[in-house]
Amino acid sequence: MLAPLRGLAPRSARSAAAATSARSAPLPRPRRAAPRRAPWRCAASEGDADAAPAALSLEDARGMLGVGAAATFDDILSAKNRKLSGADEDGRMQIEAAYDVLFMHSMKKRITGELQVPSGVRYADVPQAKKRGGGSSGSGTRGGASQQPALLQKLPGGVGVATPRAASAAALQAAVFGGLVAWALAGALLESPEAQAADTAGLQLALAAAFAVYQLRDAKRLSIGRAAGITVGSMVAGIMFGALLNAWLQVDVVPIGSFSSPGVFVTEWAIVAVAAGCFFLA
């Protein structure tokens, strides 16, 4: 019985030694997954020069929009819209970036006090004070008109009185409408009496109406429907006034010098009325 027991003793000793060595051996550490990198970081690490575009300077932004250092916000906005109309996708992004640079520069000048804001400009969070004596303040009219009488603020369709804010716009309107009136009058004076009787100067009237709609949208920021309504209403009023005046004067029967065209006479008053509506109404 001793021989088999002696043969088994070494095996149990080796098993115990193997178990002890297995318990004392360190466990393998789990491998961590490599962190995922953002695409823009990878591009920057690879040395891509286009990963971070260079900042746009004020001079480059003004040159891209075609405006000067003294350009107003309206000038910058008009230049931006004009450039966007014919630009592709890349060009639109560059134009928007240039506009953002100029807009932030303008806001910084307003915050620091370098740019004086007119006292008539009101913001959405500033309540408008009401006058006790009746009649509302004229700051609510479009186009930046000053205080107007209450009678002029109750025109049909909510139309108010507002003159152009820029002197250049008023000068342009006076030159264009004055030129159209002179063109229609000169064309009638150069015609024979028979041709004057059939002339109406319709081309000049159509050009005056189109220019009035454009000026109401550009100078006073009106919608196309409101601008067309003011223009058509002013034209109808001018035609009615000219017809009544011609019925009294009868220029075809009693000519004014060599002028004897009733159609051109009525059209002249229609152009004057369109010019007045473009200048005073909003």
C-alpha atoms as a PDB file:
ATOM      1  CA  MET A   1       0.000   0.000   0.000  1.00  0.00           C
ATOM      2  CA  LEU A   2       2.950   2.337   0.569  1.00  0.00           C
ATOM      3  CA  ALA A   3       4.155   2.155  -3.036  1.00  0.00           C
ATOM      4  CA  PRO A   4       1.014   3.551  -4.619  1.00  0.00           C
ATOM      5  CA  LEU A   5       0.825   6.359  -2.020  1.00  0.00           C
ATOM      6  CA  ARG A   6       4.390   7.322  -2.690  1.00  0.00           C
ATOM      7  CA  GLY A   7       3.694   7.473  -6.426  1.00  0.00           C
ATOM      8  CA  LEU A   8       0.716   9.786  -5.926  1.00  0.00           C
ATOM      9  CA  ALA A   9       2.471  12.256  -3.657  1.00  0.00           C
ATOM     10  CA  PRO A  10       4.525  14.010  -6.360  1.00  0.00           C
ATOM     11  CA  ARG A  11       1.403  14.545  -8.561  1.00  0.00           C
ATOM     12  CA  SER A  12      -0.572  16.317  -5.852  1.00  0.00           C
ATOM     13  CA  ALA A  13       2.448  18.451  -5.052  1.00  0.00           C
ATOM     14  CA  ARG A  14       2.760  19.499  -8.718  1.00  0.00           C
ATOM     15  CA  SER A  15      -0.983  20.269  -8.944  1.00  0.00           C
ATOM     16  CA  ALA A  16      -0.796  22.465  -5.858  1.00  0.00           C
ATOM     17  CA  ALA A  17       2.240  24.278  -7.213  1.00  0.00           C
ATOM     18  CA  ALA A  18       0.493  24.862 -10.565  1.00  0.00           C
ATOM     19  CA  ALA A  19      -2.632  26.230  -8.844  1.00  0.00           C
ATOM     20  CA  THR A  20      -0.507  28.546  -6.694  1.00  0.00           C
ATOM     21  CA  SER A  21       1.385  29.873  -9.722  1.00  0.00           C
ATOM     22  CA  ALA A  22      -1.900  30.406 -11.626  1.00  0.00           C
ATOM     23  CA  ARG A  23      -3.334  32.427  -8.766  1.00  0.00           C
ATOM     24  CA  SER A  24      -0.219  34.565  -8.410  1.00  0.00           C
ATOM     25  CA  ALA A  25       0.058  35.354 -12.167  1.00  0.00           C
ATOM     26  CA  PRO A  26      -1.233  38.891 -13.078  1.00  0.00           C
ATOM     27  CA  LEU A  27      -4.450  39.122 -15.113  1.00  0.00           C
ATOM     28  CA  PRO A  28      -4.162  40.672 -18.621  1.00  0.00           C
ATOM     29  CA  ARG A  29      -5.375  44.292 -18.840  1.00  0.00           C
ATOM     30  CA  PRO A  30      -8.232  45.088 -21.259  1.00  0.00           C
ATOM     31  CA  ARG A  31      -7.242  47.084 -24.301  1.00  0.00           C
ATOM     32  CA  ARG A  32      -8.824  50.519 -24.611  1.00  0.00           C
ATOM     33  CA  ALA A  33     -10.403  51.604 -27.861  1.00  0.00           C
ATOM     34  CA  ALA A  34      -8.661  54.428 -29.666  1.00  0.00           C
ATOM     35  CA  PRO A  35     -10.538  57.745 -29.251  1.00  0.00           C
ATOM     36  CA  ARG A  36     -12.384  58.986 -32.298  1.00  0.00           C
ATOM     37  CA  ARG A  37     -11.148  62.272 -33.670  1.00  0.00           C
ATOM     38  CA  ALA A  38     -13.380  64.990 -35.088  1.00  0.00           C
ATOM     39  CA  PRO A  39     -12.970  65.556 -38.827  1.00  0.00           C
ATOM     40  CA  TRP A  40     -11.844  69.131 -38.357  1.00  0.00           C
ATOM     41  CA  ARG A  41      -9.139  68.075 -35.898  1.00  0.00           C
ATOM     42  CA  CYS A  42      -7.881  65.438 -38.294  1.00  0.00           C
ATOM     43  CA  ALA A  43      -7.723  67.966 -41.101  1.00  0.00           C
ATOM     44  CA  ALA A  44      -5.810  70.404 -38.909  1.00  0.00           C
ATOM     45  CA  SER A  45      -3.369  67.684 -37.796  1.00  0.00           C
ATOM     46  CA  GLU A  46      -2.694  66.713 -41.392  1.00  0.00           C
ATOM     47  CA  GLY A  47      -1.683  70.293 -42.178  1.00  0.00           C
ATOM     48  CA  ASP A  48      -4.696  71.310 -44.249  1.00  0.00           C
ATOM     49  CA  ALA A  49      -4.421  75.053 -44.844  1.00  0.00           C
ATOM     50  CA  ASP A  50      -8.134  75.433 -45.571  1.00  0.00           C
ATOM     51  CA  ALA A  51      -9.282  73.943 -42.232  1.00  0.00           C
ATOM     52  CA  ALA A  52      -9.417  77.394 -40.557  1.00  0.00           C
ATOM     53  CA  PRO A  53     -10.142  80.302 -42.954  1.00  0.00           C
ATOM     54  CA  ALA A  54      -8.329  83.565 -42.369  1.00  0.00           C
ATOM     55  CA  ALA A  55     -10.204  86.462 -40.760  1.00  0.00           C
ATOM     56  CA  LEU A  56     -11.664  89.061 -43.139  1.00  0.00           C
ATOM     57  CA  SER A  57     -10.490  92.632 -42.600  1.00  0.00           C
ATOM     58  CA  LEU A  58     -12.681  95.726 -42.842  1.00  0.00           C
ATOM     59  CA  GLU A  59     -10.957  96.869 -46.033  1.00  0.00           C
ATOM     60  CA  ASP A  60     -11.472  93.485 -47.697  1.00  0.00           C
ATOM     61  CA  ALA A  61     -15.130  93.381 -46.594  1.00  0.00           C
ATOM     62  CA  ARG A  62     -15.783  96.886 -47.953  1.00  0.00           C
ATOM     63  CA  GLY A  63     -14.034  96.044 -51.197  1.00  0.00           C
ATOM     64  CA  MET A  64     -16.023  92.828 -51.586  1.00  0.00           C
ATOM     65  CA  LEU A  65     -19.351  94.676 -51.192  1.00  0.00           C
ATOM     66  CA  GLY A  66     -18.159  97.762 -53.076  1.00  0.00           C
ATOM     67  CA  VAL A  67     -18.902 100.306 -50.328  1.00  0.00           C
ATOM     68  CA  GLY A  68     -16.795 103.010 -48.743  1.00  0.00           C
ATOM     69  CA  ALA A  69     -15.865 103.743 -45.157  1.00  0.00           C
ATOM     70  CA  ALA A  70     -18.667 106.317 -44.847  1.00  0.00           C
ATOM     71  CA  ALA A  71     -21.393 103.968 -46.137  1.00  0.00           C
ATOM     72  CA  THR A  72     -24.555 103.775 -44.056  1.00  0.00           C
ATOM     73  CA  PHE A  73     -26.284 100.572 -42.986  1.00  0.00           C
ATOM     74  CA  ASP A  74     -28.844 100.991 -45.788  1.00  0.00           C
ATOM     75  CA  ASP A  75     -26.031 101.324 -48.332  1.00  0.00           C
ATOM     76  CA  ILE A  76     -24.328  98.173 -47.027  1.00  0.00           C
ATOM     77  CA  LEU A  77     -27.595  96.210 -47.056  1.00  0.00           C
ATOM     78  CA  SER A  78     -28.426  97.342 -50.595  1.00  0.00           C
ATOM     79  CA  ALA A  79     -24.938  96.395 -51.788  1.00  0.00           C
ATOM     80  CA  LYS A  80     -25.237  92.979 -50.151  1.00  0.00           C
ATOM     81  CA  ASN A  81     -28.602  92.241 -51.794  1.00  0.00           C
ATOM     82  CA  ARG A  82     -27.303  93.438 -55.143  1.00  0.00           C
ATOM     83  CA  LYS A  83     -24.246  91.180 -54.935  1.00  0.00           C
ATOM     84  CA  LEU A  84     -26.261  88.151 -53.793  1.00  0.00           C
ATOM     85  CA  SER A  85     -28.582  88.332 -56.788  1.00  0.00           C
ATOM     86  CA  GLY A  86     -25.917  87.095 -59.222  1.00  0.00           C
ATOM     87  CA  ALA A  87     -23.538  85.115 -57.007  1.00  0.00           C
ATOM     88  CA  ASP A  88     -22.993  81.361 -56.793  1.00  0.00           C
ATOM     89  CA  GLU A  89     -22.886  79.349 -53.541  1.00  0.00           C
ATOM     90  CA  ASP A  90     -19.240  80.142 -52.754  1.00  0.00           C
ATOM     91  CA  GLY A  91     -19.731  83.772 -53.635  1.00  0.00           C
ATOM     92  CA  ARG A  92     -22.814  84.019 -51.418  1.00  0.00           C
ATOM     93  CA  MET A  93     -20.842  82.666 -48.459  1.00  0.00           C
ATOM     94  CA  GLN A  94     -18.106  85.258 -49.002  1.00  0.00           C
ATOM     95  CA  ILE A  95     -20.635  88.070 -49.350  1.00  0.00           C
ATOM     96  CA  GLU A  96     -22.421  87.006 -46.175  1.00  0.00           C
ATOM     97  CA  ALA A  97     -19.089  86.889 -44.338  1.00  0.00           C
ATOM     98  CA  ALA A  98     -18.199  90.396 -45.528  1.00  0.00           C
ATOM     99  CA  TYR A  99     -21.619  91.680 -44.472  1.00  0.00           C
ATOM    100  CA  ASP A 100     -21.208  90.102 -41.016  1.00  0.00           C
ATOM    101  CA  VAL A 101     -17.852  91.851 -40.576  1.00  0.00           C
ATOM    102  CA  LEU A 102     -19.291  95.255 -41.473  1.00  0.00           C
ATOM    103  CA  PHE A 103     -22.419  94.675 -39.391  1.00  0.00           C
ATOM    104  CA  MET A 104     -20.428  93.742 -36.283  1.00  0.00           C
ATOM    105  CA  HIS A 105     -18.178  96.755 -36.816  1.00  0.00           C
ATOM    106  CA  SER A 106     -21.229  99.013 -36.981  1.00  0.00           C
ATOM    107  CA  MET A 107     -22.696  97.465 -33.831  1.00  0.00           C
ATOM    108  CA  LYS A 108     -19.389  97.921 -32.009  1.00  0.00           C
ATOM    109  CA  LYS A 109     -19.332 101.606 -32.969  1.00  0.00           C
ATOM    110  CA  ARG A 110     -22.878 102.013 -31.665  1.00  0.00           C
ATOM    111  CA  ILE A 111     -22.064 100.315 -28.371  1.00  0.00           C
ATOM    112  CA  THR A 112     -18.928 102.375 -27.802  1.00  0.00           C
ATOM    113  CA  GLY A 113     -20.700 105.615 -28.749  1.00  0.00           C
ATOM    114  CA  GLU A 114     -18.641 106.339 -31.869  1.00  0.00           C
ATOM    115  CA  LEU A 115     -21.764 106.174 -34.036  1.00  0.00           C
ATOM    116  CA  GLN A 116     -24.566 108.482 -32.958  1.00  0.00           C
ATOM    117  CA  VAL A 117     -28.036 106.981 -33.313  1.00  0.00           C
ATOM    118  CA  PRO A 118     -30.821 109.495 -34.136  1.00  0.00           C
ATOM    119  CA  SER A 119     -33.185 110.202 -31.282  1.00  0.00           C
ATOM    120  CA  GLY A 120     -36.158 109.283 -33.469  1.00  0.00           C
ATOM    121  CA  VAL A 121     -35.016 105.647 -33.697  1.00  0.00           C
ATOM    122  CA  ARG A 122     -36.964 103.471 -31.266  1.00  0.00           C
ATOM    123  CA  TYR A 123     -36.422  99.833 -30.387  1.00  0.00           C
ATOM    124  CA  ALA A 124     -38.910  97.045 -29.756  1.00  0.00           C
ATOM    125  CA  ASP A 125     -38.293  96.984 -25.996  1.00  0.00           C
ATOM    126  CA  VAL A 126     -38.864 100.738 -25.598  1.00  0.00           C
ATOM    127  CA  PRO A 127     -42.566 101.589 -25.164  1.00  0.00           C
ATOM    128  CA  GLN A 128     -43.847 104.512 -27.175  1.00  0.00           C
ATOM    129  CA  ALA A 129     -45.179 107.354 -25.045  1.00  0.00           C
ATOM    130  CA  LYS A 130     -48.676 108.534 -25.880  1.00  0.00           C
ATOM    131  CA  LYS A 131     -49.533 112.212 -26.037  1.00  0.00           C
ATOM    132  CA  ARG A 132     -52.353 113.382 -23.805  1.00  0.00           C
ATOM    133  CA  GLY A 133     -53.591 116.146 -26.047  1.00  0.00           C
ATOM    134  CA  GLY A 134     -54.887 113.718 -28.705  1.00  0.00           C
ATOM    135  CA  GLY A 135     -53.131 112.530 -31.798  1.00  0.00           C
ATOM    136  CA  SER A 136     -50.360 109.967 -31.855  1.00  0.00           C
ATOM    137  CA  SER A 137     -46.688 110.553 -32.378  1.00  0.00           C
ATOM    138  CA  GLY A 138     -45.419 110.655 -35.941  1.00  0.00           C
ATOM    139  CA  SER A 139     -42.575 108.245 -35.250  1.00  0.00           C
ATOM    140  CA  GLY A 140     -44.821 105.338 -36.197  1.00  0.00           C
ATOM    141  CA  THR A 141     -44.935 106.317 -39.868  1.00  0.00           C
ATOM    142  CA  ARG A 142     -42.721 104.483 -42.288  1.00  0.00           C
ATOM    143  CA  GLY A 143     -39.764 106.323 -43.705  1.00  0.00           C
ATOM    144  CA  GLY A 144     -38.710 108.103 -40.522  1.00  0.00           C
ATOM    145  CA  ALA A 145     -40.964 111.172 -40.725  1.00  0.00           C
ATOM    146  CA  SER A 146     -41.138 113.502 -37.786  1.00  0.00           C
ATOM    147  CA  GLN A 147     -44.337 114.312 -35.896  1.00  0.00           C
ATOM    148  CA  GLN A 148     -47.212 114.964 -38.287  1.00  0.00           C
ATOM    149  CA  PRO A 149     -50.699 116.391 -37.724  1.00  0.00           C
ATOM    150  CA  ALA A 150     -53.343 113.817 -36.826  1.00  0.00           C
ATOM    151  CA  LEU A 151     -55.354 114.691 -39.951  1.00  0.00           C
ATOM    152  CA  LEU A 152     -52.494 113.614 -42.234  1.00  0.00           C
ATOM    153  CA  GLN A 153     -52.104 110.306 -40.403  1.00  0.00           C
ATOM    154  CA  LYS A 154     -55.668 109.172 -41.106  1.00  0.00           C
ATOM    155  CA  LEU A 155     -55.460 108.804 -44.881  1.00  0.00           C
ATOM    156  CA  PRO A 156     -57.224 105.809 -46.488  1.00  0.00           C
ATOM    157  CA  GLY A 157     -55.459 102.471 -46.223  1.00  0.00           C
ATOM    158  CA  GLY A 158     -53.259 103.500 -43.324  1.00  0.00           C
ATOM    159  CA  VAL A 159     -51.130 105.722 -45.567  1.00  0.00           C
ATOM    160  CA  GLY A 160     -49.037 108.267 -43.696  1.00  0.00           C
ATOM    161  CA  VAL A 161     -46.884 111.260 -44.595  1.00  0.00           C
ATOM    162  CA  ALA A 162     -43.151 110.560 -44.749  1.00  0.00           C
ATOM    163  CA  THR A 163     -40.554 112.413 -46.780  1.00  0.00           C
ATOM    164  CA  PRO A 164     -37.358 110.673 -47.962  1.00  0.00           C
ATOM    165  CA  ARG A 165     -34.686 110.450 -45.256  1.00  0.00           C
ATOM    166  CA  ALA A 166     -31.761 110.974 -47.652  1.00  0.00           C
ATOM    167  CA  ALA A 167     -31.330 114.260 -49.498  1.00  0.00           C
ATOM    168  CA  SER A 168     -29.842 112.370 -52.443  1.00  0.00           C
ATOM    169  CA  ALA A 169     -33.088 110.396 -52.891  1.00  0.00           C
ATOM    170  CA  ALA A 170     -35.157 113.606 -52.910  1.00  0.00           C
ATOM    171  CA  ALA A 171     -32.821 115.202 -55.446  1.00  0.00           C
ATOM    172  CA  LEU A 172     -32.960 112.122 -57.664  1.00  0.00           C
ATOM    173  CA  GLN A 173     -36.762 112.067 -57.591  1.00  0.00           C
ATOM    174  CA  ALA A 174     -36.979 115.769 -58.451  1.00  0.00           C
ATOM    175  CA  ALA A 175     -34.577 115.339 -61.371  1.00  0.00           C
ATOM    176  CA  VAL A 176     -36.294 112.260 -62.842  1.00  0.00           C
ATOM    177  CA  PHE A 177     -39.888 113.467 -62.516  1.00  0.00           C
ATOM    178  CA  GLY A 178     -38.944 116.951 -63.708  1.00  0.00           C
ATOM    179  CA  GLY A 179     -37.207 115.468 -66.730  1.00  0.00           C
ATOM    180  CA  LEU A 180     -40.260 113.360 -67.605  1.00  0.00           C
ATOM    181  CA  VAL A 181     -42.562 116.401 -67.389  1.00  0.00           C
ATOM    182  CA  ALA A 182     -40.218 118.429 -69.596  1.00  0.00           C
ATOM    183  CA  TRP A 183     -39.915 115.532 -72.063  1.00  0.00           C
ATOM    184  CA  ALA A 184     -43.689 115.204 -72.434  1.00  0.00           C
ATOM    185  CA  LEU A 185     -44.148 118.968 -72.839  1.00  0.00           C
ATOM    186  CA  ALA A 186     -41.326 119.311 -75.365  1.00  0.00           C
ATOM    187  CA  GLY A 187     -42.655 116.392 -77.390  1.00  0.00           C
ATOM    188  CA  ALA A 188     -46.070 118.021 -77.628  1.00  0.00           C
ATOM    189  CA  LEU A 189     -44.675 121.451 -78.567  1.00  0.00           C
ATOM    190  CA  LEU A 190     -42.656 119.974 -81.427  1.00  0.00           C
ATOM    191  CA  GLU A 191     -45.726 118.320 -82.959  1.00  0.00           C
ATOM    192  CA  SER A 192     -48.369 119.742 -85.209  1.00  0.00           C
ATOM    193  CA  PRO A 193     -51.778 120.703 -83.757  1.00  0.00           C
ATOM    194  CA  GLU A 194     -53.327 117.611 -85.325  1.00  0.00           C
ATOM    195  CA  ALA A 195     -50.702 115.338 -83.755  1.00  0.00           C
ATOM    196  CA  GLN A 196     -51.057 117.090 -80.392  1.00  0.00           C
ATOM    197  CA  ALA A 197     -54.758 116.313 -80.319  1.00  0.00           C
ATOM    198  CA  ALA A 198     -54.006 112.563 -80.394  1.00  0.00           C
ATOM    199  CA  ASP A 199     -50.895 112.590 -78.175  1.00  0.00           C
ATOM    200  CA  THR A 200     -51.182 111.388 -74.562  1.00  0.00           C
ATOM    201  CA  ALA A 201     -47.519 111.017 -73.436  1.00  0.00           C
ATOM    202  CA  GLY A 202     -48.263 107.500 -72.231  1.00  0.00           C
ATOM    203  CA  LEU A 203     -44.598 106.447 -72.285  1.00  0.00           C
ATOM    204  CA  GLN A 204     -43.583 109.230 -69.907  1.00  0.00           C
ATOM    205  CA  LEU A 205     -46.432 108.361 -67.537  1.00  0.00           C
ATOM    206  CA  ALA A 206     -45.478 104.662 -67.509  1.00  0.00           C
ATOM    207  CA  LEU A 207     -41.840 105.513 -66.759  1.00  0.00           C
ATOM    208  CA  ALA A 208     -42.919 107.828 -63.945  1.00  0.00           C
ATOM    209  CA  ALA A 209     -45.069 105.095 -62.381  1.00  0.00           C
ATOM    210  CA  ALA A 210     -42.293 102.503 -62.578  1.00  0.00           C
ATOM    211  CA  PHE A 211     -39.749 104.894 -61.063  1.00  0.00           C
ATOM    212  CA  ALA A 212     -42.159 105.811 -58.247  1.00  0.00           C
ATOM    213  CA  VAL A 213     -42.661 102.158 -57.294  1.00  0.00           C
ATOM    214  CA  TYR A 214     -38.898 101.610 -57.299  1.00  0.00           C
ATOM    215  CA  GLN A 215     -38.245 104.668 -55.120  1.00  0.00           C
ATOM    216  CA  LEU A 216     -40.957 103.762 -52.615  1.00  0.00           C
ATOM    217  CA  ARG A 217     -39.407 100.326 -52.185  1.00  0.00           C
ATOM    218  CA  ASP A 218     -35.789 101.459 -52.127  1.00  0.00           C
ATOM    219  CA  ALA A 219     -35.949 104.751 -50.201  1.00  0.00           C
ATOM    220  CA  LYS A 220     -38.895 104.043 -47.854  1.00  0.00           C
ATOM    221  CA  ARG A 221     -38.707 100.215 -47.639  1.00  0.00           C
ATOM    222  CA  LEU A 222     -42.349  99.623 -48.614  1.00  0.00           C
ATOM    223  CA  SER A 223     -43.713  96.365 -49.934  1.00  0.00           C
ATOM    224  CA  ILE A 224     -44.411  95.999 -53.651  1.00  0.00           C
ATOM    225  CA  GLY A 225     -48.172  95.978 -53.092  1.00  0.00           C
ATOM    226  CA  ARG A 226     -48.170  99.106 -50.931  1.00  0.00           C
ATOM    227  CA  ALA A 227     -45.831 100.948 -53.315  1.00  0.00           C
ATOM    228  CA  ALA A 228     -47.998 100.052 -56.323  1.00  0.00           C
ATOM    229  CA  GLY A 229     -51.164 101.084 -54.472  1.00  0.00           C
ATOM    230  CA  ILE A 230     -49.759 104.504 -53.579  1.00  0.00           C
ATOM    231  CA  THR A 231     -48.540 105.029 -57.149  1.00  0.00           C
ATOM    232  CA  VAL A 232     -51.817 104.018 -58.789  1.00  0.00           C
ATOM    233  CA  GLY A 233     -53.872 106.074 -56.331  1.00  0.00           C
ATOM    234  CA  SER A 234     -51.723 109.151 -56.938  1.00  0.00           C
ATOM    235  CA  MET A 235     -51.972 108.644 -60.706  1.00  0.00           C
ATOM    236  CA  VAL A 236     -55.768 108.381 -60.630  1.00  0.00           C
ATOM    237  CA  ALA A 237     -56.005 111.513 -58.484  1.00  0.00           C
ATOM    238  CA  GLY A 238     -53.755 113.411 -60.890  1.00  0.00           C
ATOM    239  CA  ILE A 239     -55.739 112.288 -63.927  1.00  0.00           C
ATOM    240  CA  MET A 240     -59.009 113.372 -62.326  1.00  0.00           C
ATOM    241  CA  PHE A 241     -57.593 116.751 -61.349  1.00  0.00           C
ATOM    242  CA  GLY A 242     -56.072 117.289 -64.794  1.00  0.00           C
ATOM    243  CA  ALA A 243     -59.328 116.338 -66.530  1.00  0.00           C
ATOM    244  CA  LEU A 244     -61.321 118.765 -64.392  1.00  0.00           C
ATOM    245  CA  LEU A 245     -58.794 121.536 -65.030  1.00  0.00           C
ATOM    246  CA  ASN A 246     -58.792 120.825 -68.764  1.00  0.00           C
ATOM    247  CA  ALA A 247     -62.609 120.922 -68.824  1.00  0.00           C
ATOM    248  CA  TRP A 248     -62.374 124.444 -67.443  1.00  0.00           C
ATOM    249  CA  LEU A 249     -59.421 125.701 -69.533  1.00  0.00           C
ATOM    250  CA  GLN A 250     -60.129 123.702 -72.736  1.00  0.00           C
ATOM    251  CA  VAL A 251     -56.588 123.836 -74.085  1.00  0.00           C
ATOM    252  CA  ASP A 252     -57.702 122.197 -77.320  1.00  0.00           C
ATOM    253  CA  VAL A 253     -60.062 125.121 -77.983  1.00  0.00           C
ATOM    254  CA  VAL A 254     -57.986 127.909 -76.415  1.00  0.00           C
ATOM    255  CA  PRO A 255     -54.338 126.801 -76.757  1.00  0.00           C
ATOM    256  CA  ILE A 256     -51.730 127.919 -74.243  1.00  0.00           C
ATOM    257  CA  GLY A 257     -49.256 129.392 -76.697  1.00  0.00           C
ATOM    258  CA  SER A 258     -48.519 126.604 -79.165  1.00  0.00           C
ATOM    259  CA  PHE A 259     -49.629 123.921 -76.710  1.00  0.00           C
ATOM    260  CA  SER A 260     -53.045 122.457 -77.497  1.00  0.00           C
ATOM    261  CA  SER A 261     -52.917 118.803 -76.432  1.00  0.00           C
ATOM    262  CA  PRO A 262     -55.530 117.868 -73.811  1.00  0.00           C
ATOM    263  CA  GLY A 263     -54.076 114.378 -73.422  1.00  0.00           C
ATOM    264  CA  VAL A 264     -50.584 115.637 -72.631  1.00  0.00           C
ATOM    265  CA  PHE A 265     -52.073 118.295 -70.341  1.00  0.00           C
ATOM    266  CA  VAL A 266     -53.836 115.657 -68.254  1.00  0.00           C
ATOM    267  CA  THR A 267     -50.733 113.408 -68.302  1.00  0.00           C
ATOM    268  CA  GLU A 268     -48.578 116.242 -66.994  1.00  0.00           C
ATOM    269  CA  TRP A 269     -50.783 116.536 -63.914  1.00  0.00           C
ATOM    270  CA  ALA A 270     -50.772 112.764 -63.483  1.00  0.00           C
ATOM    271  CA  ILE A 271     -46.947 112.731 -63.436  1.00  0.00           C
ATOM    272  CA  VAL A 272     -46.931 115.583 -60.919  1.00  0.00           C
ATOM    273  CA  ALA A 273     -49.362 113.665 -58.695  1.00  0.00           C
ATOM    274  CA  VAL A 274     -47.241 110.482 -58.917  1.00  0.00           C
ATOM    275  CA  ALA A 275     -44.167 112.510 -57.967  1.00  0.00           C
ATOM    276  CA  ALA A 276     -45.998 114.019 -54.972  1.00  0.00           C
ATOM    277  CA  GLY A 277     -47.176 110.588 -53.806  1.00  0.00           C
ATOM    278  CA  CYS A 278     -43.660 109.174 -54.128  1.00  0.00           C
ATOM    279  CA  PHE A 279     -42.163 112.066 -52.171  1.00  0.00           C
ATOM    280  CA  PHE A 280     -44.707 112.566 -49.386  1.00  0.00           C
ATOM    281  CA  LEU A 281     -46.631 109.287 -48.871  1.00  0.00           C
ATOM    282  CA  ALA A 282     -45.599 106.012 -47.259  1.00  0.00           C
END
